[in-house]
């Protein structure tokens, strides 16, 4: 899988469209699309990817590893956050009953 495909997969796995990613990071959509289609993303795109997905496996992104820990990392963080929120709500409910 080429770097452009990996970027698209990363965004899709995290339910973020390329257009949304560009808007969020103040990138020009047509330029980003061109660079990704040519498998030649610029520094600005790569920098924004690491900000958006701090757990991204850059070795996977650049083809040096088959492991893609990035989407799992991001999804696991959300699962942890959801679990903490649920426990806090339960704790709050238990404390109000006392």
Protein backbone atom coordinates (compact mmCIF):
# COMPACT_ATOMS: atom_id res chain seq x y z
CA UNK A 1 0.00 0.00 0.00
CA UNK A 2 1.37 3.41 -1.01
CA UNK A 3 1.58 6.37 1.40
CA UNK A 4 -1.41 8.10 -0.22
CA UNK A 5 -3.59 5.02 0.30
CA UNK A 6 -2.39 4.77 3.89
CA UNK A 7 -3.32 8.38 4.58
CA UNK A 8 -6.78 7.83 3.12
CA UNK A 9 -7.18 4.63 5.18
CA UNK A 10 -6.07 6.40 8.34
CA UNK A 11 -8.60 9.18 7.82
CA UNK A 12 -11.40 6.75 6.89
CA UNK A 13 -10.71 4.49 9.87
CA UNK A 14 -11.03 7.55 12.10
CA UNK A 15 -14.22 8.77 10.38
CA UNK A 16 -12.60 11.91 9.01
CA UNK A 17 -12.89 12.89 5.36
CA UNK A 18 -9.96 14.39 3.51
CA UNK A 19 -11.92 17.62 3.09
CA UNK A 20 -12.69 17.79 6.84
CA UNK A 21 -9.02 17.14 7.62
CA UNK A 22 -7.97 19.96 5.29
CA UNK A 23 -10.47 22.41 6.77
CA UNK A 24 -9.51 21.48 10.32
CA UNK A 25 -5.80 22.04 9.61
CA UNK A 26 -6.13 25.00 7.26
CA UNK A 27 -4.79 23.07 4.25
CA UNK A 28 -5.77 23.61 0.62
CA UNK A 29 -7.90 20.61 -0.37
CA UNK A 30 -6.90 20.50 -4.04
CA UNK A 31 -3.19 20.65 -3.17
CA UNK A 32 -3.51 17.93 -0.55
CA UNK A 33 -5.51 15.73 -2.93
CA UNK A 34 -2.90 16.18 -5.66
CA UNK A 35 -0.01 15.35 -3.32
CA UNK A 36 -1.75 12.30 -1.86
CA UNK A 37 -2.74 11.02 -5.30
CA UNK A 38 0.92 11.33 -6.37
CA UNK A 39 2.06 9.59 -3.14
CA UNK A 40 4.12 12.64 -2.33
CA UNK A 41 2.59 14.41 0.70
CA UNK A 42 4.40 17.55 1.78
CA UNK A 43 5.73 18.38 5.21
CA UNK A 44 2.59 20.36 6.07
CA UNK A 45 0.36 17.34 5.49
CA UNK A 46 2.63 15.00 7.44
CA UNK A 47 2.91 17.51 10.27
CA UNK A 48 -0.87 17.83 10.49
CA UNK A 49 -1.26 14.04 10.45
CA UNK A 50 1.03 13.69 13.46
CA UNK A 51 -0.92 16.41 15.28
CA UNK A 52 -4.28 14.81 14.45
CA UNK A 53 -3.06 11.29 15.24
CA UNK A 54 -0.27 11.54 17.82
CA UNK A 55 0.00 7.75 18.03
CA UNK A 56 0.58 7.28 14.31
CA UNK A 57 3.19 4.70 13.41
CA UNK A 58 5.38 6.69 11.01
CA UNK A 59 7.30 3.53 10.12
CA UNK A 60 4.03 2.06 8.82
CA UNK A 61 3.17 5.30 7.03
CA UNK A 62 6.50 5.33 5.18
CA UNK A 63 6.35 1.63 4.38
CA UNK A 64 9.00 0.46 6.82
CA UNK A 65 6.56 -1.57 8.90
CA UNK A 66 3.46 -3.62 8.18
CA UNK A 67 1.99 -2.78 11.58
CA UNK A 68 -0.60 -0.02 11.68
CA UNK A 69 -0.89 0.95 15.32
CA UNK A 70 -2.21 4.41 14.49
CA UNK A 71 -5.91 3.70 14.10
CA UNK A 72 -5.90 1.22 16.96
CA UNK A 73 -4.20 3.79 19.18
CA UNK A 74 -6.75 6.46 18.31
CA UNK A 75 -9.71 4.13 18.73
CA UNK A 76 -8.36 2.76 22.00
CA UNK A 77 -8.06 6.29 23.37
CA UNK A 78 -11.72 6.93 22.58
CA UNK A 79 -12.71 3.64 24.20
CA UNK A 80 -10.76 4.57 27.33
CA UNK A 81 -12.37 8.02 27.43
CA UNK A 82 -15.84 6.49 27.04
CA UNK A 83 -15.11 4.00 29.82
CA UNK A 84 -13.87 6.73 32.18
CA UNK A 85 -16.95 8.86 31.48
CA UNK A 86 -19.21 5.90 32.17
CA UNK A 87 -17.44 5.19 35.48
CA UNK A 88 -17.65 8.85 36.51
CA UNK A 89 -21.38 8.90 35.79
CA UNK A 90 -21.84 5.73 37.84
CA UNK A 91 -19.79 7.19 40.67
CA UNK A 92 -21.84 10.38 40.61
CA UNK A 93 -25.07 8.38 40.72
CA UNK A 94 -23.79 6.31 43.63
CA UNK A 95 -22.71 9.40 45.57
CA UNK A 96 -26.07 11.12 45.10
CA UNK A 97 -27.81 8.06 46.56
CA UNK A 98 -25.83 8.27 49.80
